[in-house]
């Protein structure tokens, strides 16, 4: 893969991460508002909120991996595990 292709994929992944994080934050704010209006909703909405927080955490981990890729010298070989490759591919494809 050429440097330009890698840079393009990284930029696209970063854009997707930022977009997903923004949507997740809006969703969590809406859940908080629903719970504030009706405390009984806490029992149903808290597990949903927890799943979104987990998704945001994975997004943060992927962001760190991408930053590390950008910081590495371009002449060195980037050695990613199969799991890392699958996570990055899923991120780029929009599969969370």
N, C-alpha and C. Protein backbone atom coordinates (compact mmCIF):
# COMPACT_ATOMS: atom_id res chain seq x y z
N UNK A 1 0.85 -1.17 0.00
CA UNK A 1 0.00 0.00 0.00
C UNK A 1 0.90 1.23 0.00
N UNK A 2 0.55 2.18 -0.84
CA UNK A 2 1.36 3.38 -0.93
C UNK A 2 1.10 4.29 0.26
N UNK A 3 2.03 5.20 0.48
CA UNK A 3 1.91 6.16 1.58
C UNK A 3 0.63 6.98 1.42
N UNK A 4 0.34 7.38 0.19
CA UNK A 4 -0.85 8.20 -0.05
C UNK A 4 -2.12 7.42 0.28
N UNK A 5 -2.17 6.15 -0.13
CA UNK A 5 -3.33 5.32 0.18
C UNK A 5 -3.51 5.17 1.69
N UNK A 6 -2.41 4.92 2.40
CA UNK A 6 -2.47 4.78 3.85
C UNK A 6 -2.93 6.08 4.49
N UNK A 7 -2.37 7.20 4.05
CA UNK A 7 -2.78 8.49 4.60
C UNK A 7 -4.26 8.75 4.36
N UNK A 8 -4.74 8.42 3.17
CA UNK A 8 -6.15 8.61 2.85
C UNK A 8 -7.03 7.75 3.75
N UNK A 9 -6.66 6.50 3.93
CA UNK A 9 -7.44 5.61 4.80
C UNK A 9 -7.42 6.08 6.25
N UNK A 10 -6.27 6.53 6.71
CA UNK A 10 -6.17 7.02 8.09
C UNK A 10 -7.04 8.26 8.26
N UNK A 11 -6.97 9.19 7.30
CA UNK A 11 -7.80 10.40 7.38
C UNK A 11 -9.28 10.05 7.39
N UNK A 12 -9.67 9.11 6.54
CA UNK A 12 -11.07 8.69 6.49
C UNK A 12 -11.48 8.04 7.82
N UNK A 13 -10.62 7.21 8.36
CA UNK A 13 -10.92 6.56 9.64
C UNK A 13 -11.05 7.60 10.75
N UNK A 14 -10.17 8.58 10.77
CA UNK A 14 -10.24 9.63 11.78
C UNK A 14 -11.54 10.42 11.65
N UNK A 15 -11.93 10.73 10.42
CA UNK A 15 -13.20 11.44 10.21
C UNK A 15 -14.37 10.61 10.72
N UNK A 16 -14.35 9.30 10.42
CA UNK A 16 -15.42 8.42 10.89
C UNK A 16 -15.46 8.35 12.41
N UNK A 17 -14.30 8.26 13.03
CA UNK A 17 -14.23 8.20 14.49
C UNK A 17 -14.83 9.46 15.09
N UNK A 18 -14.44 10.61 14.57
CA UNK A 18 -14.95 11.88 15.10
C UNK A 18 -16.47 11.98 14.92
N UNK A 19 -16.95 11.57 13.76
CA UNK A 19 -18.39 11.61 13.50
C UNK A 19 -19.14 10.68 14.45
N UNK A 20 -18.64 9.47 14.60
CA UNK A 20 -19.29 8.50 15.49
C UNK A 20 -19.29 8.98 16.93
N UNK A 21 -18.20 9.58 17.36
CA UNK A 21 -18.13 10.09 18.73
C UNK A 21 -19.13 11.21 18.94
N UNK A 22 -19.28 12.07 17.94
CA UNK A 22 -20.25 13.16 18.05
C UNK A 22 -21.67 12.60 18.17
N UNK A 23 -22.01 11.63 17.33
CA UNK A 23 -23.34 11.02 17.40
C UNK A 23 -23.56 10.32 18.73
N UNK A 24 -22.55 9.62 19.22
CA UNK A 24 -22.67 8.93 20.50
C UNK A 24 -22.89 9.92 21.63
N UNK A 25 -22.18 11.05 21.59
CA UNK A 25 -22.34 12.06 22.64
C UNK A 25 -23.75 12.64 22.62
N UNK A 26 -24.26 12.91 21.42
CA UNK A 26 -25.63 13.42 21.31
C UNK A 26 -26.63 12.40 21.85
N UNK A 27 -26.41 11.14 21.53
CA UNK A 27 -27.29 10.08 22.00
C UNK A 27 -27.24 9.97 23.53
N UNK A 28 -26.04 10.03 24.10
CA UNK A 28 -25.90 9.95 25.56
C UNK A 28 -26.57 11.14 26.24
N UNK A 29 -26.46 12.31 25.63
CA UNK A 29 -27.15 13.49 26.18
C UNK A 29 -28.66 13.29 26.17
N UNK A 30 -29.17 12.71 25.09
CA UNK A 30 -30.61 12.44 25.01
C UNK A 30 -31.04 11.43 26.07
N UNK A 31 -30.24 10.40 26.27
CA UNK A 31 -30.55 9.42 27.32
C UNK A 31 -30.56 10.10 28.69
N UNK A 32 -29.58 10.95 28.95
CA UNK A 32 -29.53 11.66 30.24
C UNK A 32 -30.77 12.54 30.41
N UNK A 33 -31.19 13.19 29.35
CA UNK A 33 -32.40 14.02 29.42
C UNK A 33 -33.64 13.17 29.72
N UNK A 34 -33.74 12.01 29.08
CA UNK A 34 -34.88 11.12 29.32
C UNK A 34 -34.90 10.63 30.77
N UNK A 35 -33.74 10.30 31.29
CA UNK A 35 -33.66 9.83 32.68
C UNK A 35 -34.01 10.97 33.63
N UNK A 36 -33.58 12.19 33.30
CA UNK A 36 -33.90 13.34 34.15
C UNK A 36 -35.40 13.60 34.20
N UNK A 37 -36.09 13.35 33.08
CA UNK A 37 -37.53 13.56 33.03
C UNK A 37 -38.31 12.44 33.71
N UNK A 38 -37.78 11.23 33.64
CA UNK A 38 -38.49 10.07 34.21
C UNK A 38 -37.44 9.10 34.76
N UNK A 39 -37.25 9.14 36.07
CA UNK A 39 -36.21 8.33 36.72
C UNK A 39 -36.42 6.83 36.48
N UNK A 40 -37.66 6.42 36.24
CA UNK A 40 -37.94 5.00 35.97
C UNK A 40 -37.24 4.53 34.69
N UNK A 41 -36.99 5.43 33.77
CA UNK A 41 -36.31 5.10 32.52
C UNK A 41 -34.85 4.70 32.74
N UNK A 42 -34.31 5.05 33.90
CA UNK A 42 -32.92 4.72 34.20
C UNK A 42 -32.65 3.23 34.07
N UNK A 43 -33.58 2.43 34.54
CA UNK A 43 -33.42 0.97 34.51
C UNK A 43 -33.29 0.45 33.07
N UNK A 44 -33.99 1.06 32.15
CA UNK A 44 -33.98 0.61 30.76
C UNK A 44 -32.87 1.27 29.93
N UNK A 45 -32.60 2.52 30.23
CA UNK A 45 -31.67 3.28 29.39
C UNK A 45 -30.21 3.17 29.82
N UNK A 46 -29.96 2.89 31.08
CA UNK A 46 -28.57 2.79 31.55
C UNK A 46 -27.77 1.72 30.81
N UNK A 47 -28.32 0.51 30.58
CA UNK A 47 -27.54 -0.48 29.82
C UNK A 47 -27.23 -0.02 28.39
N UNK A 48 -28.16 0.70 27.79
CA UNK A 48 -27.94 1.23 26.45
C UNK A 48 -26.81 2.26 26.48
N UNK A 49 -26.85 3.12 27.48
CA UNK A 49 -25.80 4.13 27.61
C UNK A 49 -24.45 3.47 27.84
N UNK A 50 -24.42 2.42 28.65
CA UNK A 50 -23.16 1.71 28.92
C UNK A 50 -22.57 1.14 27.64
N UNK A 51 -23.40 0.59 26.77
CA UNK A 51 -22.91 0.05 25.50
C UNK A 51 -22.31 1.15 24.63
N UNK A 52 -22.92 2.31 24.64
CA UNK A 52 -22.38 3.41 23.85
C UNK A 52 -21.05 3.92 24.42
N UNK A 53 -20.93 3.92 25.74
CA UNK A 53 -19.66 4.31 26.35
C UNK A 53 -18.58 3.30 25.96
N UNK A 54 -18.92 2.02 25.93
CA UNK A 54 -17.96 0.99 25.49
C UNK A 54 -17.54 1.25 24.05
N UNK A 55 -18.49 1.59 23.21
CA UNK A 55 -18.17 1.88 21.80
C UNK A 55 -17.24 3.08 21.69
N UNK A 56 -17.49 4.10 22.50
CA UNK A 56 -16.62 5.28 22.47
C UNK A 56 -15.21 4.91 22.94
N UNK A 57 -15.11 4.03 23.93
CA UNK A 57 -13.80 3.60 24.41
C UNK A 57 -13.03 2.87 23.32
N UNK A 58 -13.72 1.98 22.61
CA UNK A 58 -13.06 1.28 21.49
C UNK A 58 -12.64 2.27 20.42
N UNK A 59 -13.46 3.26 20.20
CA UNK A 59 -13.12 4.31 19.23
C UNK A 59 -11.86 5.04 19.67
N UNK A 60 -11.76 5.34 20.95
CA UNK A 60 -10.55 6.00 21.47
C UNK A 60 -9.32 5.12 21.29
N UNK A 61 -9.47 3.83 21.55
CA UNK A 61 -8.34 2.91 21.38
C UNK A 61 -7.89 2.86 19.92
N UNK A 62 -8.85 2.85 19.01
CA UNK A 62 -8.51 2.84 17.59
C UNK A 62 -7.85 4.14 17.18
N UNK A 63 -8.31 5.25 17.76
CA UNK A 63 -7.71 6.54 17.47
C UNK A 63 -6.25 6.56 17.90
N UNK A 64 -5.96 6.01 19.06
CA UNK A 64 -4.57 5.94 19.54
C UNK A 64 -3.72 5.11 18.58
N UNK A 65 -4.27 3.99 18.12
CA UNK A 65 -3.52 3.16 17.17
C UNK A 65 -3.23 3.92 15.88
N UNK A 66 -4.21 4.67 15.40
CA UNK A 66 -4.00 5.44 14.18
C UNK A 66 -2.97 6.54 14.38
N UNK A 67 -3.01 7.19 15.52
CA UNK A 67 -2.01 8.22 15.82
C UNK A 67 -0.62 7.60 15.85
N UNK A 68 -0.50 6.42 16.46
CA UNK A 68 0.79 5.74 16.48
C UNK A 68 1.27 5.41 15.08
N UNK A 69 0.36 5.02 14.21
CA UNK A 69 0.73 4.75 12.82
C UNK A 69 1.28 6.01 12.16
N UNK A 70 0.64 7.14 12.41
CA UNK A 70 1.09 8.38 11.81
C UNK A 70 2.44 8.82 12.36
N UNK A 71 2.70 8.51 13.62
CA UNK A 71 3.94 8.95 14.24
C UNK A 71 5.14 8.09 13.83
N UNK A 72 4.88 6.86 13.45
CA UNK A 72 5.99 5.98 13.04
C UNK A 72 6.59 6.51 11.75
N UNK A 73 7.86 6.28 11.60
CA UNK A 73 8.53 6.67 10.36
C UNK A 73 7.89 5.98 9.18
N UNK A 74 7.77 6.67 8.08
CA UNK A 74 7.11 6.12 6.90
C UNK A 74 7.96 5.06 6.21
N UNK A 75 9.24 5.02 6.53
CA UNK A 75 10.10 4.03 5.88
C UNK A 75 10.12 2.71 6.65
N UNK A 76 9.57 2.71 7.85
CA UNK A 76 9.55 1.47 8.63
C UNK A 76 8.29 0.68 8.29
N UNK A 77 8.37 -0.59 8.49
CA UNK A 77 7.24 -1.47 8.24
C UNK A 77 6.32 -1.42 9.45
N UNK A 78 5.04 -1.22 9.19
CA UNK A 78 4.06 -1.21 10.26
C UNK A 78 3.56 -2.64 10.44
N UNK A 79 3.76 -3.15 11.63
CA UNK A 79 3.38 -4.53 11.91
C UNK A 79 2.13 -4.52 12.78
N UNK A 80 0.98 -4.81 12.17
CA UNK A 80 -0.27 -4.86 12.91
C UNK A 80 -0.69 -6.31 13.08
N UNK A 81 -1.27 -6.59 14.22
CA UNK A 81 -1.82 -7.93 14.42
C UNK A 81 -3.06 -8.10 13.54
N UNK A 82 -3.48 -9.33 13.35
CA UNK A 82 -4.70 -9.57 12.58
C UNK A 82 -5.89 -8.88 13.22
N UNK A 83 -5.93 -8.87 14.54
CA UNK A 83 -7.02 -8.20 15.26
C UNK A 83 -7.01 -6.70 14.98
N UNK A 84 -5.81 -6.08 15.01
CA UNK A 84 -5.69 -4.66 14.70
C UNK A 84 -6.18 -4.37 13.29
N UNK A 85 -5.78 -5.21 12.35
CA UNK A 85 -6.19 -5.03 10.96
C UNK A 85 -7.70 -5.14 10.82
N UNK A 86 -8.29 -6.11 11.48
CA UNK A 86 -9.74 -6.29 11.42
C UNK A 86 -10.47 -5.11 12.05
N UNK A 87 -9.96 -4.61 13.17
CA UNK A 87 -10.59 -3.46 13.82
C UNK A 87 -10.52 -2.23 12.93
N UNK A 88 -9.36 -1.99 12.33
CA UNK A 88 -9.22 -0.84 11.44
C UNK A 88 -10.12 -0.99 10.22
N UNK A 89 -10.18 -2.17 9.65
CA UNK A 89 -11.04 -2.40 8.49
C UNK A 89 -12.50 -2.15 8.86
N UNK A 90 -12.95 -2.68 10.00
CA UNK A 90 -14.32 -2.47 10.45
C UNK A 90 -14.60 -0.99 10.67
N UNK A 91 -13.63 -0.29 11.24
CA UNK A 91 -13.79 1.13 11.49
C UNK A 91 -13.95 1.89 10.19
N UNK A 92 -13.12 1.59 9.22
CA UNK A 92 -13.17 2.27 7.93
C UNK A 92 -14.48 1.96 7.21
N UNK A 93 -14.94 0.74 7.31
CA UNK A 93 -16.17 0.33 6.66
C UNK A 93 -17.41 0.84 7.39
N UNK A 94 -17.24 1.33 8.61
CA UNK A 94 -18.36 1.83 9.38
C UNK A 94 -19.07 0.76 10.19
N UNK A 95 -18.49 -0.44 10.30
CA UNK A 95 -19.05 -1.52 11.11
C UNK A 95 -18.50 -1.38 12.52
N UNK A 96 -19.36 -1.13 13.47
CA UNK A 96 -18.88 -0.92 14.84
C UNK A 96 -19.20 -2.16 15.59
